[in-house]
Amino acid sequence: MSQQKPVEYAAASQQVKAVYDDIKETRQVDDVNNFWKYIAQHPPTLARTWDSLKEVMGPGALDPLVKEFAVRCRECDEQLRLLRREPHGRRSPCRNDRRHVRRSACHSWHG
């Protein structure tokens, strides 16, 4: 089975470039991520998928949720980093208990 490669902008058809340009403009990014580049192997699927997701991918109502998710993930990462640095036998700010970290920092967002 051959491995498919992502469709880069320079090698894309005009139809794919138009969708890429719309994604970049809507999301205010310099390049599209690999999700879109792999879907672009079938341009009608790329266009259909982008059309169905465009409304929720642009700036708007989801921004506060995305920011909250990023903050929670940073909190989890920081607490886990502290746990890894603490030598065994010493109590960290998180009680040196991974289950406590998971329950306290991540539970409210990740479930």
N, C-alpha and C. Protein backbone atom coordinates (compact mmCIF):
# COMPACT_ATOMS: atom_id res chain seq x y z
N MET A 1 0.84 -1.17 0.00
CA MET A 1 0.00 0.00 0.00
C MET A 1 0.89 1.24 0.00
N SER A 2 0.62 2.15 -0.90
CA SER A 2 1.46 3.35 -1.00
C SER A 2 1.00 4.40 0.01
N GLN A 3 1.97 5.15 0.48
CA GLN A 3 1.71 6.22 1.44
C GLN A 3 1.35 7.49 0.69
N GLN A 4 0.21 8.08 1.00
CA GLN A 4 -0.19 9.33 0.37
C GLN A 4 0.59 10.49 0.95
N LYS A 5 0.81 11.50 0.15
CA LYS A 5 1.54 12.68 0.61
C LYS A 5 0.58 13.87 0.65
N PRO A 6 0.84 14.81 1.56
CA PRO A 6 -0.02 16.00 1.61
C PRO A 6 0.14 16.84 0.35
N VAL A 7 -0.91 17.53 -0.03
CA VAL A 7 -0.89 18.40 -1.21
C VAL A 7 -0.44 19.79 -0.76
N GLU A 8 0.79 20.15 -1.13
CA GLU A 8 1.32 21.46 -0.79
C GLU A 8 0.76 22.52 -1.74
N TYR A 9 0.74 23.75 -1.28
CA TYR A 9 0.16 24.85 -2.05
C TYR A 9 0.78 24.96 -3.44
N ALA A 10 2.08 24.87 -3.52
CA ALA A 10 2.78 25.06 -4.80
C ALA A 10 2.38 24.00 -5.84
N ALA A 11 2.05 22.80 -5.36
CA ALA A 11 1.70 21.71 -6.28
C ALA A 11 0.19 21.52 -6.44
N ALA A 12 -0.59 22.38 -5.81
CA ALA A 12 -2.05 22.21 -5.81
C ALA A 12 -2.69 22.73 -7.09
N SER A 13 -3.85 22.17 -7.39
CA SER A 13 -4.64 22.66 -8.53
C SER A 13 -5.26 24.00 -8.17
N GLN A 14 -5.80 24.69 -9.16
CA GLN A 14 -6.43 25.98 -8.90
C GLN A 14 -7.61 25.83 -7.93
N GLN A 15 -8.36 24.75 -8.05
CA GLN A 15 -9.51 24.50 -7.18
C GLN A 15 -9.04 24.35 -5.72
N VAL A 16 -7.98 23.59 -5.52
CA VAL A 16 -7.45 23.38 -4.18
C VAL A 16 -6.84 24.68 -3.64
N LYS A 17 -6.11 25.42 -4.48
CA LYS A 17 -5.54 26.70 -4.03
C LYS A 17 -6.63 27.66 -3.58
N ALA A 18 -7.76 27.67 -4.28
CA ALA A 18 -8.86 28.56 -3.90
C ALA A 18 -9.39 28.21 -2.51
N VAL A 19 -9.51 26.92 -2.23
CA VAL A 19 -9.97 26.50 -0.90
C VAL A 19 -8.92 26.83 0.15
N TYR A 20 -7.65 26.53 -0.14
CA TYR A 20 -6.56 26.88 0.78
C TYR A 20 -6.57 28.37 1.10
N ASP A 21 -6.71 29.21 0.07
CA ASP A 21 -6.73 30.66 0.28
C ASP A 21 -7.89 31.06 1.19
N ASP A 22 -9.05 30.45 0.98
CA ASP A 22 -10.21 30.76 1.80
C ASP A 22 -9.99 30.32 3.25
N ILE A 23 -9.38 29.16 3.44
CA ILE A 23 -9.08 28.67 4.79
C ILE A 23 -8.12 29.64 5.48
N LYS A 24 -7.07 30.02 4.78
CA LYS A 24 -6.06 30.92 5.37
C LYS A 24 -6.67 32.27 5.73
N GLU A 25 -7.53 32.79 4.86
CA GLU A 25 -8.16 34.07 5.13
C GLU A 25 -9.14 33.97 6.29
N THR A 26 -9.96 32.94 6.29
CA THR A 26 -10.97 32.78 7.34
C THR A 26 -10.34 32.54 8.70
N ARG A 27 -9.33 31.68 8.74
CA ARG A 27 -8.69 31.33 10.01
C ARG A 27 -7.55 32.27 10.37
N GLN A 28 -7.22 33.17 9.47
CA GLN A 28 -6.14 34.14 9.68
C GLN A 28 -4.83 33.44 10.04
N VAL A 29 -4.44 32.50 9.16
CA VAL A 29 -3.19 31.75 9.33
C VAL A 29 -2.37 31.88 8.05
N ASP A 30 -1.07 31.59 8.17
CA ASP A 30 -0.17 31.68 7.02
C ASP A 30 -0.22 30.45 6.12
N ASP A 31 -0.58 29.31 6.69
CA ASP A 31 -0.62 28.07 5.92
C ASP A 31 -1.71 27.18 6.49
N VAL A 32 -2.21 26.27 5.68
CA VAL A 32 -3.21 25.31 6.18
C VAL A 32 -2.47 24.14 6.82
N ASN A 33 -3.13 23.48 7.78
CA ASN A 33 -2.47 22.36 8.44
C ASN A 33 -2.63 21.07 7.61
N ASN A 34 -1.98 20.03 8.06
CA ASN A 34 -1.95 18.77 7.30
C ASN A 34 -3.32 18.13 7.12
N PHE A 35 -4.24 18.37 8.03
CA PHE A 35 -5.60 17.83 7.86
C PHE A 35 -6.14 18.22 6.49
N TRP A 36 -6.04 19.51 6.16
CA TRP A 36 -6.56 20.00 4.88
C TRP A 36 -5.71 19.51 3.72
N LYS A 37 -4.40 19.43 3.92
CA LYS A 37 -3.50 19.01 2.84
C LYS A 37 -3.74 17.56 2.43
N TYR A 38 -4.09 16.71 3.38
CA TYR A 38 -4.36 15.32 3.02
C TYR A 38 -5.74 15.17 2.38
N ILE A 39 -6.70 15.93 2.87
CA ILE A 39 -8.03 15.89 2.25
C ILE A 39 -7.97 16.42 0.82
N ALA A 40 -7.04 17.31 0.54
CA ALA A 40 -6.92 17.92 -0.79
C ALA A 40 -6.56 16.91 -1.87
N GLN A 41 -6.21 15.70 -1.49
CA GLN A 41 -5.97 14.67 -2.50
C GLN A 41 -7.23 14.40 -3.31
N HIS A 42 -8.38 14.73 -2.73
CA HIS A 42 -9.66 14.63 -3.45
C HIS A 42 -10.33 16.01 -3.34
N PRO A 43 -10.10 16.89 -4.32
CA PRO A 43 -10.57 18.28 -4.23
C PRO A 43 -12.06 18.45 -3.91
N PRO A 44 -12.96 17.63 -4.48
CA PRO A 44 -14.38 17.81 -4.10
C PRO A 44 -14.63 17.57 -2.60
N THR A 45 -13.90 16.62 -2.01
CA THR A 45 -14.05 16.37 -0.58
C THR A 45 -13.48 17.53 0.22
N LEU A 46 -12.36 18.08 -0.23
CA LEU A 46 -11.78 19.25 0.44
C LEU A 46 -12.79 20.39 0.44
N ALA A 47 -13.35 20.70 -0.70
CA ALA A 47 -14.29 21.82 -0.81
C ALA A 47 -15.53 21.56 0.04
N ARG A 48 -16.07 20.36 -0.03
CA ARG A 48 -17.28 20.02 0.73
C ARG A 48 -17.01 20.10 2.24
N THR A 49 -15.87 19.57 2.69
CA THR A 49 -15.53 19.58 4.11
C THR A 49 -15.33 21.01 4.60
N TRP A 50 -14.60 21.81 3.83
CA TRP A 50 -14.39 23.20 4.22
C TRP A 50 -15.70 23.96 4.27
N ASP A 51 -16.57 23.77 3.27
CA ASP A 51 -17.86 24.46 3.27
C ASP A 51 -18.68 24.11 4.51
N SER A 52 -18.61 22.85 4.94
CA SER A 52 -19.41 22.45 6.10
C SER A 52 -18.81 22.92 7.42
N LEU A 53 -17.50 23.16 7.46
CA LEU A 53 -16.85 23.57 8.70
C LEU A 53 -16.52 25.05 8.78
N LYS A 54 -16.64 25.74 7.69
CA LYS A 54 -16.20 27.14 7.62
C LYS A 54 -16.83 28.01 8.70
N GLU A 55 -18.09 27.85 8.93
CA GLU A 55 -18.79 28.71 9.89
C GLU A 55 -18.22 28.58 11.30
N VAL A 56 -17.89 27.36 11.71
CA VAL A 56 -17.38 27.17 13.07
C VAL A 56 -15.88 27.36 13.18
N MET A 57 -15.17 27.39 12.06
CA MET A 57 -13.71 27.53 12.09
C MET A 57 -13.26 28.98 12.12
N GLY A 58 -14.11 29.90 11.78
CA GLY A 58 -13.73 31.30 11.78
C GLY A 58 -13.80 31.90 13.18
N PRO A 59 -13.35 33.14 13.33
CA PRO A 59 -13.43 33.80 14.64
C PRO A 59 -14.89 33.93 15.06
N GLY A 60 -15.12 33.81 16.35
CA GLY A 60 -16.49 33.97 16.82
C GLY A 60 -16.76 33.28 18.14
N ALA A 61 -17.89 32.61 18.20
CA ALA A 61 -18.39 32.04 19.45
C ALA A 61 -17.48 31.00 20.06
N LEU A 62 -16.73 30.26 19.26
CA LEU A 62 -15.87 29.22 19.81
C LEU A 62 -14.57 29.76 20.41
N ASP A 63 -14.20 30.99 20.12
CA ASP A 63 -12.94 31.54 20.61
C ASP A 63 -12.77 31.42 22.12
N PRO A 64 -13.78 31.78 22.95
CA PRO A 64 -13.59 31.64 24.40
C PRO A 64 -13.37 30.18 24.81
N LEU A 65 -14.04 29.24 24.16
CA LEU A 65 -13.86 27.83 24.49
C LEU A 65 -12.47 27.34 24.12
N VAL A 66 -11.99 27.77 22.97
CA VAL A 66 -10.65 27.37 22.53
C VAL A 66 -9.60 27.94 23.48
N LYS A 67 -9.77 29.20 23.90
CA LYS A 67 -8.83 29.80 24.84
C LYS A 67 -8.85 29.07 26.18
N GLU A 68 -10.05 28.72 26.67
CA GLU A 68 -10.17 28.00 27.94
C GLU A 68 -9.50 26.63 27.85
N PHE A 69 -9.69 25.96 26.73
CA PHE A 69 -9.05 24.66 26.52
C PHE A 69 -7.53 24.79 26.56
N ALA A 70 -7.00 25.82 25.90
CA ALA A 70 -5.55 26.03 25.87
C ALA A 70 -5.01 26.31 27.27
N VAL A 71 -5.72 27.11 28.05
CA VAL A 71 -5.29 27.41 29.42
C VAL A 71 -5.28 26.15 30.25
N ARG A 72 -6.34 25.34 30.15
CA ARG A 72 -6.42 24.10 30.93
C ARG A 72 -5.29 23.14 30.54
N CYS A 73 -5.00 23.04 29.27
CA CYS A 73 -3.92 22.15 28.83
C CYS A 73 -2.57 22.63 29.35
N ARG A 74 -2.36 23.94 29.35
CA ARG A 74 -1.10 24.48 29.90
C ARG A 74 -1.00 24.17 31.38
N GLU A 75 -2.12 24.28 32.12
CA GLU A 75 -2.12 23.97 33.55
C GLU A 75 -1.75 22.51 33.77
N CYS A 76 -2.35 21.61 32.99
CA CYS A 76 -2.05 20.18 33.11
C CYS A 76 -0.58 19.92 32.80
N ASP A 77 -0.08 20.51 31.73
CA ASP A 77 1.31 20.31 31.35
C ASP A 77 2.26 20.79 32.44
N GLU A 78 1.96 21.95 33.02
CA GLU A 78 2.83 22.50 34.06
C GLU A 78 2.81 21.61 35.30
N GLN A 79 1.65 21.14 35.71
CA GLN A 79 1.57 20.28 36.89
C GLN A 79 2.29 18.96 36.66
N LEU A 80 2.12 18.39 35.50
CA LEU A 80 2.81 17.13 35.20
C LEU A 80 4.32 17.34 35.12
N ARG A 81 4.74 18.48 34.59
CA ARG A 81 6.17 18.80 34.53
C ARG A 81 6.74 18.88 35.94
N LEU A 82 6.02 19.53 36.85
CA LEU A 82 6.46 19.62 38.24
C LEU A 82 6.56 18.25 38.88
N LEU A 83 5.61 17.40 38.59
CA LEU A 83 5.64 16.04 39.15
C LEU A 83 6.89 15.29 38.69
N ARG A 84 7.23 15.42 37.44
CA ARG A 84 8.39 14.70 36.93
C ARG A 84 9.69 15.23 37.53
N ARG A 85 9.73 16.51 37.90
CA ARG A 85 10.95 17.10 38.46
C ARG A 85 11.14 16.77 39.93
N GLU A 86 10.05 16.51 40.66
CA GLU A 86 10.15 16.26 42.09
C GLU A 86 10.74 14.88 42.35
N PRO A 87 11.76 14.79 43.22
CA PRO A 87 12.29 13.48 43.58
C PRO A 87 11.26 12.71 44.41
N HIS A 88 11.29 11.41 44.32
CA HIS A 88 10.36 10.59 45.09
C HIS A 88 10.55 10.84 46.56
N GLY A 89 9.48 10.84 47.31
CA GLY A 89 9.55 11.07 48.74
C GLY A 89 9.27 12.50 49.14
N ARG A 90 9.40 13.44 48.21
CA ARG A 90 9.08 14.84 48.51
C ARG A 90 7.71 15.17 47.99
N ARG A 91 7.03 16.03 48.68
CA ARG A 91 5.71 16.44 48.25
C ARG A 91 5.82 17.63 47.29
N SER A 92 5.20 17.51 46.15
CA SER A 92 5.17 18.63 45.22
C SER A 92 3.93 19.46 45.50
N PRO A 93 3.79 20.62 44.87
CA PRO A 93 2.57 21.40 45.04
C PRO A 93 1.32 20.59 44.68
N CYS A 94 1.50 19.54 43.92
CA CYS A 94 0.37 18.71 43.50
C CYS A 94 0.31 17.41 44.29
N ARG A 95 0.92 17.37 45.45
CA ARG A 95 0.94 16.19 46.32
C ARG A 95 1.65 15.00 45.69
N ASN A 96 2.41 15.27 44.64
CA ASN A 96 3.18 14.22 43.97
C ASN A 96 2.32 13.00 43.62
N ASP A 97 1.12 13.27 43.17
CA ASP A 97 0.17 12.20 42.86
C ASP A 97 -0.46 12.49 41.51
N ARG A 98 -0.12 11.69 40.52
CA ARG A 98 -0.64 11.92 39.16
C ARG A 98 -2.16 11.87 39.12
N ARG A 99 -2.75 11.01 39.95
CA ARG A 99 -4.22 10.94 39.97
C ARG A 99 -4.80 12.26 40.46
N HIS A 100 -4.14 12.89 41.44
CA HIS A 100 -4.61 14.18 41.94
C HIS A 100 -4.55 15.22 40.82
N VAL A 101 -3.47 15.22 40.07
CA VAL A 101 -3.33 16.17 38.96
C VAL A 101 -4.45 15.95 37.96
N ARG A 102 -4.67 14.70 37.61
CA ARG A 102 -5.71 14.40 36.63
C ARG A 102 -7.07 14.86 37.14
N ARG A 103 -7.36 14.60 38.41
CA ARG A 103 -8.67 14.98 38.95
C ARG A 103 -8.81 16.49 39.08
N SER A 104 -7.79 17.15 39.62
CA SER A 104 -7.96 18.57 39.93
C SER A 104 -7.86 19.46 38.71
N ALA A 105 -6.80 19.32 37.95
CA ALA A 105 -6.56 20.26 36.84
C ALA A 105 -7.30 19.88 35.58
N CYS A 106 -7.37 18.60 35.30
CA CYS A 106 -7.89 18.18 34.00
C CYS A 106 -9.36 17.77 34.05
N HIS A 107 -9.82 17.37 35.20
CA HIS A 107 -11.16 16.78 35.25
C HIS A 107 -12.24 17.74 34.79
N SER A 108 -12.13 18.99 35.20
CA SER A 108 -13.20 19.93 34.85
C SER A 108 -13.30 20.17 33.36
N TRP A 109 -12.20 19.98 32.63
CA TRP A 109 -12.28 20.20 31.18
C TRP A 109 -12.29 18.90 30.41
N HIS A 110 -11.35 18.02 30.70
CA HIS A 110 -11.19 16.80 29.92
C HIS A 110 -12.14 15.70 30.33
N GLY A 111 -12.72 15.78 31.51
CA GLY A 111 -13.68 14.76 31.96
C GLY A 111 -13.07 13.58 32.62
